C-alpha cells in the first residue's frame, strides 16, 4: 500500500506545471474568494502539498493562491514567525494584507472560565487548570498590549519592514475583528505562555446565548449586568483602537501608497487621527476604495444613551475618525462605503460633519447603518460626480421621519439627475427605516429618459394613491408634484414643519452633529 501511494505521488510530481495550475484552480474553484476558505481541509492540504516537492513550492499557481493574502496578528507568536521568515521569496504574489485583533483580549476570569466550560463540554477543568490557563491567556494579552502600545516596538519595526518588502504590489489592506464563533485558532510551536498539559487554554471559538445587539428588544427595567457578548466585544474593541493606530503608523513609515483600505473592526471610538504617530506622512494619494464597517460594543447603556451621554460622544468621535480618513484621500477616492459589510451594529453614525473638501472622483457612495439625513443630503448634493447611491438603515439624529425629505430633495437636485448634462444617478434604498415600515426602491433617476429606468406606474390595486410609496417617491424625484401635495410621500414621512422649504438651502454649521 505504501509503495502504491508513493507511486501515485511520483506521478503527480511529474505533471506539467500548466496541468498542476488547473488542478489547483479546480480544487479552490474560485481563487478570488479563497480567503473565506483559509482554514478548510482543501486549503490546509494545499499548504502541505507545497512542502512535498520543489515542483509545488516553485509553482506560481500554488503561491498565488496561498500567499495572495497574508494575515498578521499582533501576538508574540506571529511576530516571531514574521521575524524568522524570508518573505521576499513570495512578495510578488501578495496582494492583500489583513491585520486582525486577537480574540477577546483580555476577559475577566469568570467569563474566560465560563467560555472554556461551555465550549469544551467533554473535558473536566480543575481549579488549577483554569488558573494556569488564565495566567497564560493574560500573559499573551499583556504582551500584545505592550507590542501595540509602543509606537517604536519590534512589532512596528517588523510590520514596517514587511510592508516595505511588499512595496506597491499591495492592492488592499484590511483590518478585521473576527466574530466569537469565527475567531482564528492558529497553532504556533513557540508561544511563550505555558507548557502543553493536554488542556486547552487559548480562547476557543464560541457562541453567546444572549447577544448584546438584541438587547433593544427587551424592556429597560430588565437590564442588569453586561452580557458576555458585550464583554467579549469590549475587550476586543480596546485592542482594535490600538491596532488601527499601529497599522496607520506602519503604513506611513513604509511609504507604501495603497489603493484599497477596508476596516471591519471592533473599536471603542476613542481615537483621534491627528494624534496617531505618522498621520501627517500617511500617503492615501492613490486610495480609490475605502470601506468602513466599524462596530462599537453596544451594551444597554449605548442603546439607551441620551443626548450628551458618553455613548453619544463616542459615536460622534468615531464618525470623526471616518471623516478624517476620507479627507486624507479626497482627491483620489472613487468608492466609499460605510457599514457595507453588515458589521456596524453598534451606535456609529455617518456623516457627522459637513462636506468641506472636493471629492472629484467619488462615484459610489453607500451608507448602510445609522444616518443623519440632513448632513447626508449635503454630501449627496455636493458630490457632483456621484453615479451610485446605496442607502440602508435608520436615522441616528433628528426627527426620524420628516428629515428623510432632505435626502430625497438632494437626489432630485443632484447634477446627474437634473443638471445640464446628467449621467443619471443609480439609487438603491434597501429597507430604509421610515416610520414603522421599511422602504425599498431601486432605479436610475435622470431627467434624460434614455438614461433613466422606466417610471413606476401607479398600482391600481391600491385603494388610495397615498399607499403607493414608489409612485410618490419618483414623483418627487422628477418634480411632478410639490412635496406639500405629495400624499404618497407624506403618508410615510409625516407632516412637514411650518417652516419647510422644498429646496435645500445652503447648509449651515448647525447641521453638523455636535
Protein backbone atom coordinates (compact mmCIF):
# COMPACT_ATOMS: atom_id res chain seq x y z
CA UNK A 1 0.00 0.00 0.00
CA UNK A 2 2.84 2.38 0.89
CA UNK A 3 4.61 1.76 -2.41
CA UNK A 4 1.34 2.34 -4.27
CA UNK A 5 0.90 5.76 -2.56
CA UNK A 6 4.49 6.71 -3.31
CA UNK A 7 3.98 5.74 -6.95
CA UNK A 8 0.87 7.98 -7.16
CA UNK A 9 2.74 10.88 -5.55
CA UNK A 10 5.59 10.44 -8.01
CA UNK A 11 3.16 10.57 -10.92
CA UNK A 12 1.64 13.75 -9.53
CA UNK A 13 5.03 15.44 -9.30
CA UNK A 14 5.75 14.68 -12.96
CA UNK A 15 2.67 16.52 -14.21
CA UNK A 16 3.32 19.70 -16.24
CA UNK A 17 3.01 22.97 -14.34
CA UNK A 18 0.13 24.03 -16.57
CA UNK A 19 -1.88 20.96 -15.54
CA UNK A 20 -0.97 21.48 -11.89
CA UNK A 21 -2.32 25.02 -12.17
CA UNK A 22 -5.62 23.67 -13.50
CA UNK A 23 -5.79 21.20 -10.61
CA UNK A 24 -5.26 23.97 -8.08
CA UNK A 25 -7.96 26.14 -9.62
CA UNK A 26 -10.31 23.18 -9.67
CA UNK A 27 -9.68 22.47 -6.00
CA UNK A 28 -10.38 26.02 -4.91
CA UNK A 29 -12.96 26.70 -7.68
CA UNK A 30 -12.70 30.45 -7.13
CA UNK A 31 -9.29 31.92 -6.38
CA UNK A 32 -10.71 35.39 -5.90
CA UNK A 33 -12.61 34.24 -2.80
CA UNK A 34 -10.07 31.88 -1.32
CA UNK A 35 -9.64 33.80 1.94
CA UNK A 36 -13.01 32.66 3.25
CA UNK A 37 -11.72 29.09 2.83
CA UNK A 38 -8.33 29.64 4.52
CA UNK A 39 -8.97 27.04 7.23
CA UNK A 40 -10.72 24.38 5.13
CA UNK A 41 -9.15 20.93 4.61
CA UNK A 42 -8.59 21.83 0.94
CA UNK A 43 -6.57 24.89 1.81
CA UNK A 44 -4.58 23.10 4.52
CA UNK A 45 -3.82 20.29 2.08
CA UNK A 46 -2.50 22.79 -0.44
CA UNK A 47 -0.14 24.18 2.18
CA UNK A 48 1.06 20.66 2.97
CA UNK A 49 1.39 19.76 -0.70
CA UNK A 50 3.66 22.74 -1.23
CA UNK A 51 6.13 21.18 1.22
CA UNK A 52 6.17 17.80 -0.53
CA UNK A 53 8.34 18.67 -3.51
CA UNK A 54 10.17 21.62 -5.03
CA UNK A 55 7.85 21.36 -8.03
CA UNK A 56 4.95 22.52 -5.88
CA UNK A 57 7.00 25.01 -3.88
CA UNK A 58 8.04 26.76 -7.09
CA UNK A 59 4.64 26.53 -8.75
CA UNK A 60 3.36 30.08 -9.24
CA UNK A 61 -0.26 28.91 -9.17
CA UNK A 62 0.22 27.43 -5.71
CA UNK A 63 1.99 30.50 -4.42
CA UNK A 64 -0.52 32.88 -5.98
CA UNK A 65 -3.33 31.19 -4.06
CA UNK A 66 -1.50 30.55 -0.79
CA UNK A 67 0.17 33.94 -0.47
CA UNK A 68 -2.29 36.27 -2.17
CA UNK A 69 -3.49 37.33 1.28
CA UNK A 70 -1.24 37.43 4.35
CA UNK A 71 -2.88 37.53 7.79
CA UNK A 72 -0.95 39.28 10.58
CA UNK A 73 -1.98 39.23 14.24
CA UNK A 74 -0.28 41.41 16.88
CA UNK A 75 0.87 38.48 19.01
CA UNK A 76 4.31 37.29 20.03
CA UNK A 77 3.96 34.02 18.10
CA UNK A 78 3.01 35.73 14.83
CA UNK A 79 5.75 38.33 15.32
CA UNK A 80 8.34 35.57 15.74
CA UNK A 81 7.19 33.89 12.53
CA UNK A 82 7.45 37.20 10.69
CA UNK A 83 10.93 37.91 12.04
CA UNK A 84 12.26 34.47 11.13
CA UNK A 85 10.61 34.16 7.74
CA UNK A 86 12.08 35.23 4.40
CA UNK A 87 9.08 36.79 2.69
CA UNK A 88 10.97 38.30 -0.22
CA UNK A 89 10.58 34.94 -1.99
CA UNK A 90 6.78 35.22 -2.04
CA UNK A 91 6.38 39.01 -2.00
CA UNK A 92 5.45 39.13 -5.68
CA UNK A 93 2.33 37.03 -5.00
CA UNK A 94 0.93 39.12 -2.12
CA UNK A 95 -1.92 41.47 -2.98
CA UNK A 96 -3.71 41.85 0.35
CA UNK A 97 -2.55 42.16 3.95
CA UNK A 98 -5.12 41.55 6.68
CA UNK A 99 -4.38 42.75 10.23
CA UNK A 100 -6.56 41.09 12.87
CA UNK A 101 -7.32 41.70 16.52
CA UNK A 102 -6.58 38.84 18.93
CA UNK A 103 -9.81 37.23 20.17
CA UNK A 104 -11.41 38.93 23.15
CA UNK A 105 -8.37 40.44 24.80
CA UNK A 106 -8.43 40.40 27.95
CA UNK A 107 -11.58 38.96 29.55
CA UNK A 108 -12.38 38.82 33.26
CA UNK A 109 -11.57 35.46 34.85
CA UNK A 110 -15.19 34.40 35.35
CA UNK A 111 -16.08 34.95 31.70
CA UNK A 112 -12.92 33.24 30.48
CA UNK A 113 -13.67 30.19 32.63
CA UNK A 114 -17.30 30.05 31.52
CA UNK A 115 -16.31 30.08 27.84
CA UNK A 116 -13.92 27.15 28.38
CA UNK A 117 -16.55 25.22 30.35
CA UNK A 118 -19.30 25.81 27.79
CA UNK A 119 -17.13 25.09 24.75
CA UNK A 120 -15.22 22.00 25.91
CA UNK A 121 -18.09 20.05 27.43
CA UNK A 122 -16.25 16.71 27.31
CA UNK A 123 -13.31 17.98 29.37
CA UNK A 124 -13.05 18.41 33.12
CA UNK A 125 -11.28 21.58 34.21
CA UNK A 126 -9.92 21.73 37.73
CA UNK A 127 -9.47 25.00 39.55
CA UNK A 128 -5.72 24.74 38.92
CA UNK A 129 -6.32 24.13 35.20
CA UNK A 130 -8.37 27.30 34.94
CA UNK A 131 -5.95 29.41 36.97
CA UNK A 132 -2.97 28.18 34.96
CA UNK A 133 -4.82 28.67 31.66
CA UNK A 134 -6.00 32.15 32.61
CA UNK A 135 -2.48 33.14 33.63
CA UNK A 136 -1.17 32.05 30.20
CA UNK A 137 -4.07 33.80 28.46
CA UNK A 138 -3.41 37.06 30.32
CA UNK A 139 0.34 36.80 29.70
CA UNK A 140 -0.35 36.74 25.98
CA UNK A 141 -2.85 39.59 26.34
CA UNK A 142 -0.45 41.84 28.23
CA UNK A 143 2.35 41.09 25.79
CA UNK A 144 0.12 42.01 22.85
CA UNK A 145 -0.93 45.23 24.57
CA UNK A 146 2.73 46.13 25.13
CA UNK A 147 3.56 45.45 21.47
CA UNK A 148 0.72 47.66 20.27
CA UNK A 149 1.18 50.43 22.82
CA UNK A 150 4.77 51.30 21.90
CA UNK A 151 4.94 53.13 18.53
CA UNK A 152 8.60 52.07 18.22
CA UNK A 153 8.15 48.45 19.32
CA UNK A 154 9.61 45.47 17.49
CA UNK A 155 6.11 44.82 16.16
CA UNK A 156 6.13 48.21 14.42
CA UNK A 157 9.59 47.54 13.03
CA UNK A 158 8.64 44.08 11.73
CA UNK A 159 5.36 45.21 10.15
CA UNK A 160 7.01 48.24 8.54
CA UNK A 161 9.81 46.09 7.11
CA UNK A 162 7.25 43.61 5.80
CA UNK A 163 5.22 46.34 4.09
CA UNK A 164 8.37 47.79 2.53
CA UNK A 165 9.26 44.33 1.20
CA UNK A 166 5.88 44.04 -0.47
CA UNK A 167 6.03 47.60 -1.77
CA UNK A 168 3.40 48.90 -4.14
CA UNK A 169 2.31 45.40 -5.09
CA UNK A 170 -0.14 45.64 -2.18
CA UNK A 171 -3.58 46.38 -3.52
CA UNK A 172 -5.57 46.09 -0.33
CA UNK A 173 -5.10 46.47 3.42
CA UNK A 174 -7.81 45.16 5.70
CA UNK A 175 -8.34 45.48 9.45
CA UNK A 176 -10.55 42.72 10.82
CA UNK A 177 -12.13 41.56 14.07
CA UNK A 178 -13.48 38.03 13.89
CA UNK A 179 -16.81 37.16 15.45
CA UNK A 180 -16.54 34.98 18.54
CA UNK A 181 -17.70 31.92 16.59
CA UNK A 182 -15.23 32.62 13.76
CA UNK A 183 -12.04 33.57 15.59
CA UNK A 184 -8.75 32.25 14.25
CA UNK A 185 -7.35 29.24 16.03
CA UNK A 186 -3.79 29.43 14.78
CA UNK A 187 -1.44 26.88 16.32
CA UNK A 188 2.13 28.03 16.97
CA UNK A 189 5.04 25.96 18.26
CA UNK A 190 6.74 28.82 20.07
CA UNK A 191 4.06 30.60 22.10
CA UNK A 192 5.65 31.97 25.22
CA UNK A 193 2.89 31.18 27.65
CA UNK A 194 2.77 27.67 29.14
CA UNK A 195 3.59 24.03 28.71
CA UNK A 196 1.13 21.76 26.95
CA UNK A 197 -0.81 19.92 29.67
CA UNK A 198 -3.43 18.48 27.37
CA UNK A 199 -5.99 21.06 28.47
CA UNK A 200 -6.78 23.93 26.10
CA UNK A 201 -6.17 27.42 27.44
CA UNK A 202 -6.41 29.65 24.36
CA UNK A 203 -9.80 31.24 23.84
CA UNK A 204 -11.75 28.89 21.53
CA UNK A 205 -14.47 29.64 19.03
CA UNK A 206 -17.65 30.10 21.00
CA UNK A 207 -21.15 31.49 20.79
CA UNK A 208 -23.28 33.51 23.19
CA UNK A 209 -26.84 32.58 24.02
CA UNK A 210 -27.79 36.23 24.53
CA UNK A 211 -26.25 38.58 22.00
CA UNK A 212 -25.87 42.16 23.10
CA UNK A 213 -27.19 43.57 19.82
CA UNK A 214 -30.60 42.09 20.68
CA UNK A 215 -30.96 43.99 23.95
CA UNK A 216 -33.07 46.75 22.44
CA UNK A 217 -35.92 44.24 22.18
CA UNK A 218 -36.05 43.95 25.97
CA UNK A 219 -37.71 46.33 28.43
CA UNK A 220 -35.27 48.76 30.03
CA UNK A 221 -36.08 47.55 33.55
CA UNK A 222 -34.74 44.07 32.70
CA UNK A 223 -31.19 45.30 32.10
CA UNK A 224 -28.76 44.21 34.81
CA UNK A 225 -25.12 43.31 34.18
CA UNK A 226 -23.39 43.49 30.78
CA UNK A 227 -23.71 40.27 28.79
CA UNK A 228 -20.77 38.02 27.96
CA UNK A 229 -21.23 39.02 24.33
CA UNK A 230 -20.66 42.67 25.25
CA UNK A 231 -17.62 41.85 27.41
CA UNK A 232 -16.00 39.89 24.56
CA UNK A 233 -16.61 42.73 22.12
CA UNK A 234 -15.45 45.42 24.52
CA UNK A 235 -12.21 43.57 25.28
CA UNK A 236 -11.51 43.21 21.57
CA UNK A 237 -12.51 46.82 20.84
CA UNK A 238 -9.81 48.20 23.15
CA UNK A 239 -7.24 46.34 21.08
CA UNK A 240 -8.99 47.45 17.89
CA UNK A 241 -8.18 51.11 18.62
CA UNK A 242 -4.52 50.28 19.13
CA UNK A 243 -4.43 48.11 16.01
CA UNK A 244 -5.78 50.97 13.87
CA UNK A 245 -3.09 53.31 15.20
CA UNK A 246 -0.29 50.77 14.69
CA UNK A 247 -1.30 49.91 11.11
CA UNK A 248 -1.54 53.59 10.15
CA UNK A 249 1.87 54.25 11.73
CA UNK A 250 3.42 51.33 9.84
CA UNK A 251 1.86 52.35 6.52
CA UNK A 252 3.19 55.87 6.97
CA UNK A 253 6.68 54.64 7.86
CA UNK A 254 6.78 52.21 4.92
CA UNK A 255 5.86 54.86 2.36
CA UNK A 256 3.53 52.40 0.60
CA UNK A 257 0.52 54.01 -1.12
CA UNK A 258 -2.36 51.50 -1.15
CA UNK A 259 -5.44 51.61 -3.38
CA UNK A 260 -7.97 49.80 -1.17
CA UNK A 261 -8.48 50.18 2.59
CA UNK A 262 -11.09 48.14 4.45
CA UNK A 263 -11.92 48.34 8.16
CA UNK A 264 -14.23 45.70 9.62
CA UNK A 265 -13.21 46.16 13.19
CA UNK A 266 -14.41 46.44 16.75
CA UNK A 267 -13.36 49.78 18.25
CA UNK A 268 -14.25 51.96 21.23
CA UNK A 269 -14.32 55.18 19.20
CA UNK A 270 -11.70 56.78 21.46
CA UNK A 271 -9.24 57.50 18.67
CA UNK A 272 -8.15 60.79 17.08
CA UNK A 273 -6.34 60.51 13.75
CA UNK A 274 -4.12 63.57 14.17
CA UNK A 275 -2.73 62.04 17.38
CA UNK A 276 -1.58 58.86 15.62
CA UNK A 277 2.22 58.85 15.04
CA UNK A 278 2.91 59.26 11.33
CA UNK A 279 -0.57 60.52 10.44
CA UNK A 280 0.76 63.53 8.54
CA UNK A 281 3.10 61.29 6.49
CA UNK A 282 0.40 58.73 5.59
CA UNK A 283 0.10 58.51 1.80
CA UNK A 284 -3.50 57.98 0.67
CA UNK A 285 -3.00 59.78 -2.65
CA UNK A 286 -3.74 56.59 -4.62
CA UNK A 287 -6.58 55.28 -2.46
CA UNK A 288 -9.62 54.57 -4.64
CA UNK A 289 -11.73 52.32 -2.41
CA UNK A 290 -12.50 52.98 1.27
CA UNK A 291 -14.90 50.61 3.03
CA UNK A 292 -15.52 51.28 6.73
CA UNK A 293 -17.65 48.93 8.83
CA UNK A 294 -16.53 49.66 12.41
CA UNK A 295 -18.56 48.44 15.34
CA UNK A 296 -18.70 49.83 18.85
CA UNK A 297 -19.75 47.34 21.54
CA UNK A 298 -23.42 48.09 22.12
CA UNK A 299 -24.44 47.36 25.68
CA UNK A 300 -27.65 48.67 27.17
CA UNK A 301 -26.03 51.96 28.12
CA UNK A 302 -25.33 52.58 24.42
CA UNK A 303 -28.78 51.77 23.15
CA UNK A 304 -30.47 53.93 25.73
CA UNK A 305 -27.88 56.73 25.75
CA UNK A 306 -29.35 60.22 25.82
CA UNK A 307 -28.03 63.32 24.09
CA UNK A 308 -24.73 64.36 25.65
CA UNK A 309 -24.09 60.91 27.12
CA UNK A 310 -20.79 59.08 26.84
CA UNK A 311 -22.29 56.81 24.17
CA UNK A 312 -23.31 59.77 22.02
CA UNK A 313 -19.88 61.38 22.36
CA UNK A 314 -18.17 58.15 21.33
CA UNK A 315 -20.48 57.84 18.34
CA UNK A 316 -19.57 61.34 17.16
CA UNK A 317 -15.85 60.78 17.77
CA UNK A 318 -15.93 57.54 15.75
CA UNK A 319 -17.72 59.38 12.96
CA UNK A 320 -14.97 62.00 13.02
CA UNK A 321 -12.37 59.25 12.61
CA UNK A 322 -14.11 58.13 9.42
CA UNK A 323 -14.25 61.71 8.12
CA UNK A 324 -10.52 62.15 8.74
CA UNK A 325 -9.75 59.07 6.66
CA UNK A 326 -11.98 60.39 3.87
CA UNK A 327 -10.30 63.79 3.92
CA UNK A 328 -6.91 62.08 3.51
CA UNK A 329 -7.97 60.60 0.17
CA UNK A 330 -10.43 63.24 -1.06
CA UNK A 331 -8.64 63.78 -4.38
CA UNK A 332 -8.48 60.08 -5.34
CA UNK A 333 -11.40 58.28 -3.65
CA UNK A 334 -13.89 56.71 -6.07
CA UNK A 335 -15.85 54.30 -3.88
CA UNK A 336 -16.78 55.00 -0.26
CA UNK A 337 -18.94 52.61 1.75
CA UNK A 338 -19.92 52.82 5.41
CA UNK A 339 -21.34 49.72 7.07
CA UNK A 340 -21.49 47.78 3.81
CA UNK A 341 -20.15 44.60 5.43
CA UNK A 342 -23.13 44.46 7.78
CA UNK A 343 -20.78 44.63 10.74
CA UNK A 344 -21.53 48.11 12.03
CA UNK A 345 -24.21 47.11 14.53
CA UNK A 346 -23.08 49.49 17.25
CA UNK A 347 -24.10 53.11 17.62
CA UNK A 348 -21.87 54.53 14.89
CA UNK A 349 -23.29 57.24 12.69
CA UNK A 350 -22.10 58.83 9.44
CA UNK A 351 -21.86 61.57 8.29
CA UNK A 352 -21.33 63.60 11.44
CA UNK A 353 -19.93 66.71 9.75
CA UNK A 354 -20.34 68.57 6.50
CA UNK A 355 -18.72 68.03 3.12
CA UNK A 356 -15.80 70.53 3.31
CA UNK A 357 -13.46 69.28 0.56
CA UNK A 358 -13.98 68.45 -3.09
CA UNK A 359 -14.27 64.76 -3.97
CA UNK A 360 -13.88 64.99 -7.76
CA UNK A 361 -13.65 61.23 -8.40
CA UNK A 362 -16.27 59.96 -5.94
CA UNK A 363 -18.84 58.00 -7.97
CA UNK A 364 -20.03 55.33 -5.50
CA UNK A 365 -21.47 56.17 -2.06
CA UNK A 366 -23.01 53.55 0.25
CA UNK A 367 -24.30 54.16 3.77
CA UNK A 368 -25.91 51.14 5.44
CA UNK A 369 -26.07 51.93 9.15
CA UNK A 370 -27.19 54.94 11.19
CA UNK A 371 -27.78 58.03 9.07
CA UNK A 372 -28.02 61.75 9.79
CA UNK A 373 -30.30 62.75 6.85
CA UNK A 374 -29.59 66.50 6.88
CA UNK A 375 -25.83 66.07 6.73
CA UNK A 376 -26.02 63.19 4.28
CA UNK A 377 -28.13 65.36 1.96
CA UNK A 378 -25.31 67.91 1.92
CA UNK A 379 -22.84 65.17 0.93
CA UNK A 380 -25.06 63.87 -1.85
CA UNK A 381 -25.69 67.29 -3.33
CA UNK A 382 -22.03 68.35 -3.22
CA UNK A 383 -20.61 65.09 -4.61
CA UNK A 384 -21.01 66.34 -8.16
CA UNK A 385 -19.86 63.17 -9.95
CA UNK A 386 -21.87 60.71 -7.86
CA UNK A 387 -23.45 57.98 -10.00
CA UNK A 388 -24.30 55.25 -7.47
CA UNK A 389 -26.07 55.85 -4.15
CA UNK A 390 -26.97 52.94 -1.87
CA UNK A 391 -28.69 53.61 1.46
CA UNK A 392 -29.99 51.39 4.24
CA UNK A 393 -30.61 51.76 7.96
CA UNK A 394 -32.32 54.37 10.08
CA UNK A 395 -31.98 57.88 11.48
CA UNK A 396 -29.39 58.44 14.20
CA UNK A 397 -30.06 62.14 14.78
CA UNK A 398 -33.03 64.41 14.15
CA UNK A 399 -36.72 63.60 13.59
CA UNK A 400 -36.95 60.01 12.43
CA UNK A 401 -39.42 60.58 9.62
CA UNK A 402 -39.58 64.12 8.31
CA UNK A 403 -35.82 64.53 7.89
CA UNK A 404 -35.72 61.98 5.07
CA UNK A 405 -37.10 64.75 2.84
CA UNK A 406 -33.64 66.35 2.80
CA UNK A 407 -32.15 63.20 1.29
CA UNK A 408 -34.94 62.92 -1.29
CA UNK A 409 -34.50 66.61 -2.18
CA UNK A 410 -30.75 66.14 -2.64
CA UNK A 411 -31.33 63.24 -5.03
CA UNK A 412 -33.84 65.27 -7.06
CA UNK A 413 -31.47 68.24 -7.32
CA UNK A 414 -28.25 66.32 -7.97
CA UNK A 415 -26.39 67.39 -11.16
CA UNK A 416 -26.55 63.84 -12.55
CA UNK A 417 -30.34 63.89 -12.17
CA UNK A 418 -31.44 67.39 -13.16
CA UNK A 419 -28.26 69.14 -14.32
CA UNK A 420 -27.43 70.39 -17.81
CA UNK A 421 -25.65 67.18 -18.89
CA UNK A 422 -26.87 64.49 -16.46
CA UNK A 423 -25.36 61.00 -16.45
CA UNK A 424 -28.01 59.50 -14.20
CA UNK A 425 -27.91 58.54 -10.53
CA UNK A 426 -28.49 54.88 -9.68
CA UNK A 427 -30.37 54.90 -6.38
CA UNK A 428 -30.74 51.85 -4.17
CA UNK A 429 -32.80 52.18 -0.99
CA UNK A 430 -32.72 48.88 0.86
CA UNK A 431 -35.02 48.52 3.87
CA UNK A 432 -34.68 52.20 4.69
CA UNK A 433 -36.33 52.67 8.07
CA UNK A 434 -39.12 55.20 7.67
CA UNK A 435 -41.69 55.38 10.45
CA UNK A 436 -42.90 51.86 11.26
CA UNK A 437 -42.18 50.49 7.77
CA UNK A 438 -39.14 49.90 5.60
CA UNK A 439 -38.73 51.45 2.16
CA UNK A 440 -37.05 49.55 -0.67
CA UNK A 441 -36.51 51.18 -4.05
CA UNK A 442 -34.11 50.67 -6.96
CA UNK A 443 -33.78 52.70 -10.13
CA UNK A 444 -31.72 55.12 -12.21
CA UNK A 445 -33.01 58.66 -11.75
CA UNK A 446 -32.36 61.10 -14.60
CA UNK A 447 -34.31 63.74 -16.49
CA UNK A 448 -32.95 62.14 -19.67
CA UNK A 449 -35.45 59.35 -20.33
CA UNK A 450 -32.89 57.41 -22.39
CA UNK A 451 -30.74 57.02 -19.26
CA UNK A 452 -33.39 56.67 -16.55
CA UNK A 453 -35.16 53.43 -15.74
CA UNK A 454 -38.80 53.15 -16.73
CA UNK A 455 -41.05 55.17 -14.42
CA UNK A 456 -43.14 53.30 -11.90
CA UNK A 457 -46.85 53.34 -12.66
CA UNK A 458 -49.47 53.81 -10.00
CA UNK A 459 -50.69 50.45 -8.71
CA UNK A 460 -54.42 50.41 -9.41
CA UNK A 461 -54.91 47.60 -6.90
CA UNK A 462 -54.29 50.10 -4.11
CA UNK A 463 -57.36 51.88 -2.80
CA UNK A 464 -55.66 55.21 -2.25
CA UNK A 465 -52.93 56.97 -4.21
CA UNK A 466 -51.20 57.69 -0.90
CA UNK A 467 -50.49 53.99 -0.45
CA UNK A 468 -48.09 53.78 -3.42
CA UNK A 469 -44.78 54.92 -1.95
CA UNK A 470 -42.66 54.23 -5.03
CA UNK A 471 -45.00 56.28 -7.21
CA UNK A 472 -44.81 59.18 -4.76
CA UNK A 473 -41.03 58.90 -4.48
CA UNK A 474 -40.47 59.13 -8.23
CA UNK A 475 -42.99 61.97 -8.49
CA UNK A 476 -40.78 63.86 -6.02
CA UNK A 477 -37.51 62.96 -7.76
CA UNK A 478 -38.80 64.29 -11.07
CA UNK A 479 -40.61 67.33 -9.67
CA UNK A 480 -44.04 66.19 -10.87
CA UNK A 481 -45.67 67.47 -7.72
CA UNK A 482 -44.60 69.60 -4.78
CA UNK A 483 -43.79 67.82 -1.57
CA UNK A 484 -46.64 69.58 0.24
CA UNK A 485 -49.08 67.92 -2.15
CA UNK A 486 -47.34 64.54 -2.43
CA UNK A 487 -49.77 62.44 -0.43
CA UNK A 488 -47.93 59.17 -1.08
CA UNK A 489 -44.66 60.51 0.32
CA UNK A 490 -46.18 62.48 3.18
CA UNK A 491 -48.11 59.41 4.31
CA UNK A 492 -44.74 57.86 5.19
CA UNK A 493 -42.53 60.74 6.32
CA UNK A 494 -45.29 62.59 8.17
CA UNK A 495 -46.48 66.20 8.10
CA UNK A 496 -43.96 68.89 7.21
CA UNK A 497 -42.90 71.53 9.74
CA UNK A 498 -44.36 75.02 9.19
CA UNK A 499 -41.04 76.46 8.01
CA UNK A 500 -40.40 73.75 5.41
CA UNK A 501 -38.95 74.81 2.05
CA UNK A 502 -38.96 72.46 -0.89
CA UNK A 503 -35.43 73.31 -1.98
CA UNK A 504 -32.30 72.61 0.04
CA UNK A 505 -30.74 75.84 1.24
CA UNK A 506 -27.06 76.45 1.84
CA UNK A 507 -26.07 74.17 4.68
CA UNK A 508 -25.29 75.90 7.96
CA UNK A 509 -22.90 74.76 10.63
CA UNK A 510 -25.76 73.70 12.88
CA UNK A 511 -26.30 70.69 10.62
CA UNK A 512 -23.14 69.13 11.96
CA UNK A 513 -23.75 66.80 14.88
CA UNK A 514 -22.24 68.34 17.97
